[in-house]
Amino acid sequence: MTKIKERQDAPEVITFGCRLNAYESEVIRREASAAGLTDAVVINTCAVTSEAVRQARQTIRKARRDRPEARIIVTGCAAQTEPETFAAMPEVDAVVGNQEKLEAGTYRALPFGLADEEKVQVSDIMDVKETASHMVDAFTGRERAFVQVQNGCDHRCTFCIIPYGRGNSRSVPMGAVVDEVRALVENGTSEVVLTGVDITSYGGDLPGTPRLGALVRAILRHVPELPRLRLSSIDSIEADPDLMAAFAEEERLMPHIHLSLQSGDDMILKRMKRRHLRADTIRFCEDVRQARPDVVFGADIIAGFPTETETMFENSLAMVEECGLTFLHVFPFSPRPGTPAARMPQLERPVIKERAAMLRNKGEAALGRYLNGQTGTTHRVLGEKPGLGRAEGFALVHADGLLPGIIADVTVSGHDGIALSGVMARSAAA
């Protein structure tokens, strides 16, 4: 959960979930401020798990206790998929949909003090056919900035509620993305992260159907001043040849890939309605590592999917070594009402929790091995806070003298199990 508050008279924005939500929270802050909304808290929710929804509800109650006079506005994916849940909360003044939250006119026209059903300003997200750049030219308190290149998803994985919160896949035109990246760099951003719901589906709805690789190449070609470009989570089965070539040839494209893996077992992948098999992921990692030996992989993995046997779970555990994964995001399976997986035979919660813990332990061991292997190496580190930054491969790095916005050479001397530590050898303005 993150908070954004630029000025005393600006609305507070509390963000849950993905990088796309973080990007959109910047738009919300700007548009709500432009609409004159001041004494307000906007809670930008996530719907990916039932736990995320529970945390949002808890945060709403706390916001009302902390700021009894403020207007509480709830938006985001959970507000889109279950608006009535939040409208029924006495703490909530308005519920705003994922499309409406990005428009100043929404905040200007909000009718506060109405009955539950009248609090809701949520349209059918499936009717939205285009996604425009919202030209966020600076990010509050961040040296890394997120740029939305795509929204929505055309796939219907059996566990996922997100297409119903985000709509179908739609892409931001390449020229608009390049313009936004250029504006961010002109305002001092040192690293841009391309984000969306399913960014490897980029371009399918645009004239000429450009792919993600073409977009990456265009950004690096037309914004030569951009020091670092990074991708958010990708679906490896959709990685196009130009993207693979970019990883091999473009040093400014960071050697860090986070995979939407979900499982390492073919039967579970089939029941999830994923489009890859375990062999596809292993081959992809091998191909990228051959092209870019310093690449660092992360992955999302779900523990305890319905019908998952012990053997199936062992296949997921084995993927950590087989793919050389370093950063794991582990999700205990959480049935979302309305999804096919919620109707499948469920595992007992203690089993799910145990398997999630085993995966997390596996991930901690993998991260430890990676960190151990970095002693004596030198990384280019982007300072995000005084004394703390990110290496090219996304590892956290502590180094005295590291300043926000500065990219410095840091020679690694050790680690604490979570982050590297080292000595800053040389720095240069980003």
Protein backbone atom coordinates (compact mmCIF):
# COMPACT_ATOMS: atom_id res chain seq x y z
CA MET A 1 0.00 0.00 0.00
CA THR A 2 1.37 3.42 -0.96
CA LYS A 3 0.18 6.95 -0.30
CA ILE A 4 0.43 10.01 -2.53
CA LYS A 5 -0.10 13.52 -1.21
CA GLU A 6 1.56 16.38 -3.06
CA ARG A 7 0.11 19.46 -1.34
CA GLN A 8 -1.80 20.20 1.84
CA ASP A 9 -4.90 21.06 -0.21
CA ALA A 10 -4.63 18.06 -2.55
CA PRO A 11 -6.57 14.83 -1.99
CA GLU A 12 -4.72 11.98 -0.37
CA VAL A 13 -4.46 8.93 -2.62
CA ILE A 14 -3.92 5.47 -1.10
CA THR A 15 -2.88 2.83 -3.60
CA PHE A 16 -3.16 -0.95 -3.50
CA GLY A 17 -1.90 -3.48 -6.00
CA CYS A 18 0.02 -3.25 -9.23
CA ARG A 19 2.28 -0.74 -10.94
CA LEU A 20 -0.56 0.26 -13.23
CA ASN A 21 -2.55 1.32 -10.20
CA ALA A 22 0.45 3.34 -9.00
CA TYR A 23 0.58 5.11 -12.36
CA GLU A 24 -3.15 5.77 -12.30
CA SER A 25 -2.95 7.13 -8.76
CA GLU A 26 -0.75 9.91 -10.11
CA VAL A 27 -3.46 10.68 -12.66
CA ILE A 28 -6.15 10.55 -9.94
CA ARG A 29 -4.21 12.99 -7.77
CA ARG A 30 -3.77 15.41 -10.66
CA GLU A 31 -7.35 15.19 -11.99
CA ALA A 32 -9.01 15.34 -8.56
CA SER A 33 -6.89 18.37 -7.68
CA ALA A 34 -7.83 20.03 -10.97
CA ALA A 35 -11.48 19.44 -10.09
CA GLY A 36 -11.01 21.28 -6.80
CA LEU A 37 -11.38 18.19 -4.61
CA THR A 38 -9.40 18.96 -1.47
CA ASP A 39 -10.43 17.46 1.85
CA ALA A 40 -10.70 13.91 0.51
CA VAL A 41 -9.12 10.48 0.60
CA VAL A 42 -9.19 8.45 -2.63
CA ILE A 43 -8.55 4.73 -2.13
CA ASN A 44 -7.42 3.02 -5.35
CA THR A 45 -8.19 -0.66 -4.71
CA CYS A 46 -6.96 -3.99 -6.04
CA ALA A 47 -9.15 -7.04 -6.70
CA VAL A 48 -6.54 -9.71 -7.43
CA THR A 49 -7.18 -11.55 -4.14
CA SER A 50 -9.87 -11.53 -1.48
CA GLU A 51 -7.15 -10.43 0.95
CA ALA A 52 -6.56 -7.29 -1.15
CA VAL A 53 -10.27 -6.45 -0.89
CA ARG A 54 -10.23 -7.09 2.87
CA GLN A 55 -7.25 -4.76 3.29
CA ALA A 56 -9.00 -2.07 1.27
CA ARG A 57 -12.07 -2.26 3.51
CA GLN A 58 -9.85 -2.07 6.58
CA THR A 59 -8.07 0.99 5.16
CA ILE A 60 -11.39 2.70 4.42
CA ARG A 61 -12.46 2.31 8.05
CA LYS A 62 -9.12 3.64 9.28
CA ALA A 63 -9.30 6.60 6.90
CA ARG A 64 -12.70 7.53 8.31
CA ARG A 65 -11.39 7.30 11.90
CA ASP A 66 -8.31 9.36 11.08
CA ARG A 67 -10.12 11.98 9.00
CA PRO A 68 -13.75 12.14 10.09
CA GLU A 69 -14.52 15.25 8.00
CA ALA A 70 -12.91 14.06 4.77
CA ARG A 71 -14.79 12.65 1.82
CA ILE A 72 -13.89 9.00 1.24
CA ILE A 73 -13.88 7.96 -2.42
CA VAL A 74 -13.25 4.34 -3.41
CA THR A 75 -12.08 3.38 -6.89
CA GLY A 76 -9.88 0.79 -8.63
CA CYS A 77 -10.47 -2.82 -9.64
CA ALA A 78 -12.34 -3.91 -6.51
CA ALA A 79 -14.65 -0.91 -6.83
CA GLN A 80 -15.24 -1.83 -10.47
CA THR A 81 -16.01 -5.50 -9.82
CA GLU A 82 -18.04 -5.16 -6.63
CA PRO A 83 -19.21 -1.54 -6.25
CA GLU A 84 -22.13 -2.51 -4.05
CA THR A 85 -19.73 -3.88 -1.41
CA PHE A 86 -18.13 -0.47 -0.94
CA ALA A 87 -21.31 1.56 -1.45
CA ALA A 88 -22.83 -0.28 1.52
CA MET A 89 -20.01 0.85 3.81
CA PRO A 90 -21.15 3.85 5.89
CA GLU A 91 -17.62 5.28 5.75
CA VAL A 92 -17.75 5.63 1.94
CA ASP A 93 -19.05 8.77 0.22
CA ALA A 94 -18.64 7.68 -3.41
CA VAL A 95 -17.60 4.67 -5.51
CA VAL A 96 -15.92 5.46 -8.83
CA GLY A 97 -15.13 3.07 -11.70
CA ASN A 98 -11.75 2.41 -13.31
CA GLN A 99 -12.53 4.54 -16.34
CA GLU A 100 -14.21 7.36 -14.43
CA LYS A 101 -11.38 7.72 -11.91
CA LEU A 102 -9.07 9.22 -14.55
CA GLU A 103 -11.31 12.17 -15.45
CA ALA A 104 -11.52 15.50 -13.62
CA GLY A 105 -15.19 15.76 -14.59
CA THR A 106 -15.97 12.76 -12.42
CA TYR A 107 -14.69 14.45 -9.27
CA ARG A 108 -16.40 17.74 -10.15
CA ALA A 109 -19.77 16.05 -10.48
CA LEU A 110 -19.68 13.66 -7.53
CA PRO A 111 -22.95 13.94 -5.59
CA PHE A 112 -22.00 13.40 -1.95
CA GLY A 113 -24.44 12.52 0.83
CA LEU A 114 -26.66 10.18 -1.19
CA ALA A 115 -28.12 6.73 -0.58
CA ASP A 116 -25.94 3.65 -1.09
CA GLU A 117 -27.05 2.90 -4.65
CA GLU A 118 -26.61 6.55 -5.67
CA LYS A 119 -23.01 6.62 -4.46
CA VAL A 120 -21.93 4.48 -7.41
CA GLN A 121 -20.39 6.06 -10.52
CA VAL A 122 -19.27 2.89 -12.32
CA SER A 123 -19.84 2.19 -16.02
CA ASP A 124 -19.45 -1.09 -17.94
CA ILE A 125 -15.68 -1.45 -18.41
CA MET A 126 -16.23 -3.83 -21.33
CA ASP A 127 -17.58 -0.89 -23.33
CA VAL A 128 -14.21 0.88 -23.19
CA LYS A 129 -12.38 0.34 -26.48
CA GLU A 130 -9.36 2.65 -26.24
CA THR A 131 -6.67 3.59 -23.75
CA ALA A 132 -5.06 6.99 -23.98
CA SER A 133 -1.82 8.27 -22.51
CA HIS A 134 -2.56 10.44 -19.49
CA MET A 135 0.80 12.20 -19.78
CA VAL A 136 2.09 11.89 -16.26
CA ASP A 137 5.20 14.03 -16.63
CA ALA A 138 6.52 13.56 -13.08
CA PHE A 139 6.09 11.09 -10.24
CA THR A 140 5.75 12.20 -6.64
CA GLY A 141 8.75 11.07 -4.61
CA ARG A 142 10.08 8.54 -7.14
CA GLU A 143 13.17 8.42 -9.33
CA ARG A 144 11.58 5.55 -11.25
CA ALA A 145 8.38 6.33 -13.14
CA PHE A 146 5.70 4.00 -14.47
CA VAL A 147 4.27 4.54 -17.94
CA GLN A 148 1.05 2.84 -18.97
CA VAL A 149 1.32 1.29 -22.43
CA GLN A 150 -1.66 -1.07 -22.26
CA ASN A 151 -4.75 -1.83 -20.20
CA GLY A 152 -7.19 -4.72 -19.91
CA CYS A 153 -6.83 -8.36 -20.92
CA ASP A 154 -8.35 -10.55 -23.62
CA HIS A 155 -7.48 -13.80 -21.83
CA ARG A 156 -9.71 -15.45 -19.28
CA CYS A 157 -7.53 -17.34 -16.85
CA THR A 158 -9.84 -19.32 -14.60
CA PHE A 159 -8.54 -17.76 -11.36
CA CYS A 160 -8.51 -14.13 -12.48
CA ILE A 161 -11.11 -11.43 -11.87
CA ILE A 162 -9.00 -8.64 -13.34
CA PRO A 163 -10.47 -8.60 -16.90
CA TYR A 164 -13.81 -7.75 -15.30
CA GLY A 165 -12.16 -4.83 -13.52
CA ARG A 166 -10.06 -3.66 -16.44
CA GLY A 167 -11.96 -4.66 -19.57
CA ASN A 168 -10.51 -6.03 -22.79
CA SER A 169 -6.97 -5.37 -23.98
CA ARG A 170 -6.29 -1.96 -25.49
CA SER A 171 -3.01 -0.20 -26.21
CA VAL A 172 -1.65 3.33 -26.01
CA PRO A 173 -0.34 4.46 -29.42
CA MET A 174 3.44 4.33 -29.73
CA GLY A 175 3.84 8.05 -30.35
CA ALA A 176 1.97 8.94 -27.18
CA VAL A 177 4.12 6.55 -25.13
CA VAL A 178 7.32 8.03 -26.57
CA ASP A 179 6.09 11.56 -25.83
CA GLU A 180 5.32 10.67 -22.23
CA VAL A 181 8.71 9.01 -21.70
CA ARG A 182 10.41 12.06 -23.17
CA ALA A 183 8.49 14.38 -20.84
CA LEU A 184 9.42 12.28 -17.82
CA VAL A 185 13.10 12.32 -18.74
CA GLU A 186 13.01 16.10 -19.26
CA ASN A 187 11.65 16.37 -15.71
CA GLY A 188 14.50 14.33 -14.24
CA THR A 189 13.27 10.73 -14.32
CA SER A 190 16.17 8.30 -14.60
CA GLU A 191 14.27 5.05 -15.12
CA VAL A 192 10.96 4.32 -16.81
CA VAL A 193 8.98 1.12 -16.20
CA LEU A 194 6.51 0.10 -18.91
CA THR A 195 3.37 -1.20 -17.29
CA GLY A 196 -0.10 -2.52 -18.06
CA VAL A 197 -2.30 -5.50 -17.33
CA ASP A 198 -0.87 -7.70 -20.12
CA ILE A 199 1.90 -5.69 -21.76
CA THR A 200 3.10 -8.48 -24.05
CA SER A 201 -0.28 -8.25 -25.82
CA TYR A 202 0.66 -4.66 -26.70
CA GLY A 203 -0.33 -3.40 -30.13
CA GLY A 204 -2.85 -6.00 -31.21
CA ASP A 205 -5.56 -3.34 -31.43
CA LEU A 206 -3.41 -0.64 -33.06
CA PRO A 207 -2.98 0.07 -36.79
CA GLY A 208 -0.22 -2.18 -38.14
CA THR A 209 -0.33 -4.27 -34.94
CA PRO A 210 3.11 -3.27 -33.57
CA ARG A 211 4.45 -5.55 -30.88
CA LEU A 212 6.05 -4.75 -27.52
CA GLY A 213 9.53 -5.19 -28.97
CA ALA A 214 8.87 -2.48 -31.54
CA LEU A 215 7.68 -0.14 -28.79
CA VAL A 216 10.80 -0.79 -26.71
CA ARG A 217 13.01 -0.09 -29.72
CA ALA A 218 11.10 3.10 -30.54
CA ILE A 219 11.45 4.46 -27.00
CA LEU A 220 15.18 3.79 -26.87
CA ARG A 221 15.71 5.22 -30.35
CA HIS A 222 13.64 8.39 -29.94
CA VAL A 223 14.55 9.16 -26.32
CA PRO A 224 18.33 8.66 -26.26
CA GLU A 225 18.55 10.66 -23.01
CA LEU A 226 16.63 7.94 -21.11
CA PRO A 227 19.21 6.14 -18.96
CA ARG A 228 17.18 3.04 -18.09
CA LEU A 229 14.07 1.30 -19.41
CA ARG A 230 12.47 -1.58 -17.54
CA LEU A 231 9.49 -3.87 -18.16
CA SER A 232 6.90 -4.90 -15.61
CA SER A 233 5.46 -8.42 -15.58
CA ILE A 234 5.33 -10.17 -18.96
CA ASP A 235 3.74 -13.30 -20.39
CA SER A 236 6.73 -15.15 -21.85
CA ILE A 237 4.68 -17.02 -24.45
CA GLU A 238 3.88 -13.67 -26.10
CA ALA A 239 7.45 -12.35 -26.20
CA ASP A 240 8.13 -11.34 -29.82
CA PRO A 241 11.45 -11.69 -31.70
CA ASP A 242 12.12 -7.95 -31.60
CA LEU A 243 11.75 -7.95 -27.82
CA MET A 244 14.17 -10.86 -27.51
CA ALA A 245 16.63 -9.00 -29.75
CA ALA A 246 16.25 -5.86 -27.65
CA PHE A 247 17.27 -7.73 -24.51
CA ALA A 248 20.37 -8.95 -26.34
CA GLU A 249 21.35 -5.63 -27.91
CA GLU A 250 20.02 -2.74 -25.81
CA GLU A 251 22.08 -2.06 -22.69
CA ARG A 252 19.58 0.55 -21.52
CA LEU A 253 16.86 -2.12 -21.39
CA MET A 254 17.36 -3.47 -17.89
CA PRO A 255 18.24 -7.19 -17.54
CA HIS A 256 15.28 -7.98 -15.29
CA ILE A 257 12.22 -9.97 -16.36
CA HIS A 258 9.28 -10.73 -14.12
CA LEU A 259 7.27 -13.67 -15.45
CA SER A 260 3.56 -14.30 -15.15
CA LEU A 261 4.30 -17.96 -14.43
CA GLN A 262 1.52 -18.97 -11.96
CA SER A 263 2.41 -22.70 -11.87
CA GLY A 264 5.10 -25.16 -12.89
CA ASP A 265 2.74 -28.05 -13.57
CA ASP A 266 1.22 -28.64 -16.99
CA MET A 267 -2.12 -29.95 -15.73
CA ILE A 268 -2.59 -27.01 -13.38
CA LEU A 269 -1.58 -24.61 -16.16
CA LYS A 270 -4.25 -26.20 -18.35
CA ARG A 271 -6.86 -25.84 -15.61
CA MET A 272 -5.82 -22.23 -15.18
CA LYS A 273 -6.32 -21.72 -18.95
CA ARG A 274 -2.77 -20.47 -19.27
CA ARG A 275 -1.27 -20.61 -22.76
CA HIS A 276 2.18 -21.94 -21.90
CA LEU A 277 3.59 -25.21 -20.59
CA ARG A 278 6.46 -25.60 -18.13
CA ALA A 279 8.83 -26.47 -21.00
CA ASP A 280 7.95 -23.18 -22.73
CA THR A 281 9.00 -21.17 -19.68
CA ILE A 282 12.21 -23.12 -19.16
CA ARG A 283 13.14 -22.66 -22.82
CA PHE A 284 12.33 -18.94 -22.68
CA CYS A 285 14.58 -18.43 -19.66
CA GLU A 286 17.39 -20.35 -21.33
CA ASP A 287 17.04 -18.29 -24.52
CA VAL A 288 17.07 -14.96 -22.70
CA ARG A 289 19.97 -15.98 -20.49
CA GLN A 290 21.97 -16.96 -23.56
CA ALA A 291 21.24 -13.57 -25.13
CA ARG A 292 21.72 -11.58 -21.89
CA PRO A 293 23.83 -13.53 -19.38
CA ASP A 294 23.27 -10.99 -16.58
CA VAL A 295 19.47 -11.29 -16.71
CA VAL A 296 17.64 -11.72 -13.40
CA PHE A 297 14.24 -13.43 -13.36
CA GLY A 298 11.29 -13.01 -11.05
CA ALA A 299 7.93 -14.75 -11.20
CA ASP A 300 4.38 -14.80 -9.86
CA ILE A 301 3.39 -18.26 -8.58
CA ILE A 302 0.07 -19.34 -7.09
CA ALA A 303 0.21 -21.91 -4.30
CA GLY A 304 -2.67 -24.29 -3.69
CA PHE A 305 -4.68 -23.89 -6.89
CA PRO A 306 -7.79 -26.14 -6.86
CA THR A 307 -6.97 -29.85 -7.55
CA GLU A 308 -3.23 -29.24 -7.04
CA THR A 309 -1.66 -32.47 -5.76
CA GLU A 310 1.61 -32.77 -3.88
CA THR A 311 3.35 -33.85 -7.09
CA MET A 312 1.92 -30.90 -9.00
CA PHE A 313 3.11 -28.54 -6.29
CA GLU A 314 6.58 -30.10 -6.40
CA ASN A 315 6.70 -29.19 -10.09
CA SER A 316 6.17 -25.54 -9.15
CA LEU A 317 8.90 -25.73 -6.53
CA ALA A 318 11.26 -27.23 -9.08
CA MET A 319 10.77 -24.30 -11.45
CA VAL A 320 12.73 -22.05 -9.11
CA GLU A 321 15.91 -23.94 -9.94
CA GLU A 322 15.00 -24.96 -13.48
CA CYS A 323 14.36 -21.36 -14.53
CA GLY A 324 16.91 -19.78 -12.20
CA LEU A 325 14.31 -17.56 -10.52
CA THR A 326 15.51 -14.95 -8.03
CA PHE A 327 12.52 -12.80 -7.02
CA LEU A 328 9.31 -14.68 -6.23
CA HIS A 329 5.86 -13.20 -5.68
CA VAL A 330 3.90 -16.00 -4.01
CA PHE A 331 0.10 -15.86 -3.87
CA PRO A 332 -1.86 -18.34 -1.76
CA PHE A 333 -4.82 -19.28 -3.94
CA SER A 334 -7.81 -17.11 -3.16
CA PRO A 335 -11.15 -17.98 -4.83
CA ARG A 336 -12.71 -14.94 -6.46
CA PRO A 337 -16.50 -15.11 -6.84
CA GLY A 338 -17.55 -15.34 -10.47
CA THR A 339 -14.40 -17.10 -11.69
CA PRO A 340 -14.34 -20.73 -12.86
CA ALA A 341 -11.61 -21.63 -10.36
CA ALA A 342 -13.93 -20.69 -7.49
CA ARG A 343 -16.21 -23.54 -8.56
CA MET A 344 -13.43 -26.14 -8.73
CA PRO A 345 -12.64 -28.56 -5.85
CA GLN A 346 -10.81 -26.43 -3.30
CA LEU A 347 -7.82 -27.36 -1.15
CA GLU A 348 -7.95 -26.91 2.59
CA ARG A 349 -6.68 -23.51 3.71
CA PRO A 350 -3.93 -24.98 5.94
CA VAL A 351 -2.57 -26.88 2.91
CA ILE A 352 -2.59 -23.71 0.80
CA LYS A 353 -0.84 -21.73 3.52
CA GLU A 354 1.77 -24.46 4.01
CA ARG A 355 2.55 -24.61 0.30
CA ALA A 356 2.78 -20.83 0.07
CA ALA A 357 5.24 -20.84 2.96
CA MET A 358 7.33 -23.53 1.25
CA LEU A 359 7.43 -21.49 -1.96
CA ARG A 360 8.42 -18.37 -0.06
CA ASN A 361 11.20 -20.27 1.70
CA LYS A 362 12.37 -21.54 -1.66
CA GLY A 363 12.34 -17.98 -2.95
CA GLU A 364 14.30 -16.67 0.02
CA ALA A 365 16.93 -19.36 -0.53
CA ALA A 366 17.15 -18.49 -4.24
CA LEU A 367 17.53 -14.79 -3.44
CA GLY A 368 20.21 -15.63 -0.88
CA ARG A 369 22.19 -17.62 -3.45
CA TYR A 370 21.95 -14.75 -5.91
CA LEU A 371 23.07 -12.19 -3.33
CA ASN A 372 25.98 -14.41 -2.24
CA GLY A 373 27.18 -14.55 -5.82
CA GLN A 374 27.33 -10.77 -6.16
CA THR A 375 30.15 -10.12 -3.70
CA GLY A 376 32.99 -8.39 -5.52
CA THR A 377 30.89 -7.44 -8.54
CA THR A 378 30.13 -3.87 -9.56
CA HIS A 379 26.62 -2.69 -10.42
CA ARG A 380 25.20 0.51 -11.83
CA VAL A 381 22.77 1.56 -9.12
CA LEU A 382 20.03 4.17 -9.40
CA GLY A 383 19.58 6.02 -6.13
CA GLU A 384 15.96 6.11 -4.99
CA LYS A 385 16.50 7.32 -1.43
CA PRO A 386 19.64 8.54 0.33
CA GLY A 387 21.88 5.49 0.65
CA LEU A 388 19.46 3.12 -1.14
CA GLY A 389 18.93 2.24 -4.78
CA ARG A 390 18.25 -0.47 -7.37
CA ALA A 391 20.78 -2.34 -9.46
CA GLU A 392 20.16 -3.13 -13.12
CA GLY A 393 18.83 -6.55 -12.16
CA PHE A 394 16.43 -5.00 -9.63
CA ALA A 395 18.30 -5.96 -6.47
CA LEU A 396 18.12 -3.42 -3.64
CA VAL A 397 21.53 -1.91 -2.86
CA HIS A 398 22.71 0.02 0.20
CA ALA A 399 25.68 2.35 -0.31
CA ASP A 400 26.77 5.41 1.65
CA GLY A 401 26.72 8.52 -0.50
CA LEU A 402 24.11 7.23 -2.94
CA LEU A 403 21.66 10.03 -3.77
CA PRO A 404 18.20 9.99 -5.37
CA GLY A 405 18.35 10.38 -9.13
CA ILE A 406 22.06 9.61 -9.36
CA ILE A 407 23.31 6.47 -11.13
CA ALA A 408 26.50 5.28 -9.47
CA ASP A 409 28.92 2.37 -9.71
CA VAL A 410 28.71 0.32 -6.51
CA THR A 411 31.09 -2.52 -5.71
CA VAL A 412 29.32 -5.14 -3.62
CA SER A 413 30.88 -6.15 -0.30
CA GLY A 414 28.03 -8.20 1.23
CA HIS A 415 24.31 -8.42 1.88
CA ASP A 416 21.76 -8.79 4.67
CA GLY A 417 19.65 -11.49 3.03
CA ILE A 418 17.38 -8.92 1.38
CA ALA A 419 19.60 -6.24 -0.11
CA LEU A 420 23.16 -5.90 -1.31
CA SER A 421 25.56 -3.52 0.38
CA GLY A 422 28.64 -1.97 -1.09
CA VAL A 423 30.91 1.00 -1.69
CA MET A 424 30.14 3.66 -4.23
CA ALA A 425 33.05 3.80 -6.60
CA ARG A 426 31.94 6.48 -9.01
CA SER A 427 28.79 8.50 -9.65
CA ALA A 428 27.43 10.47 -12.53
CA ALA A 429 24.34 12.58 -12.92
CA ALA A 430 21.57 10.52 -14.45
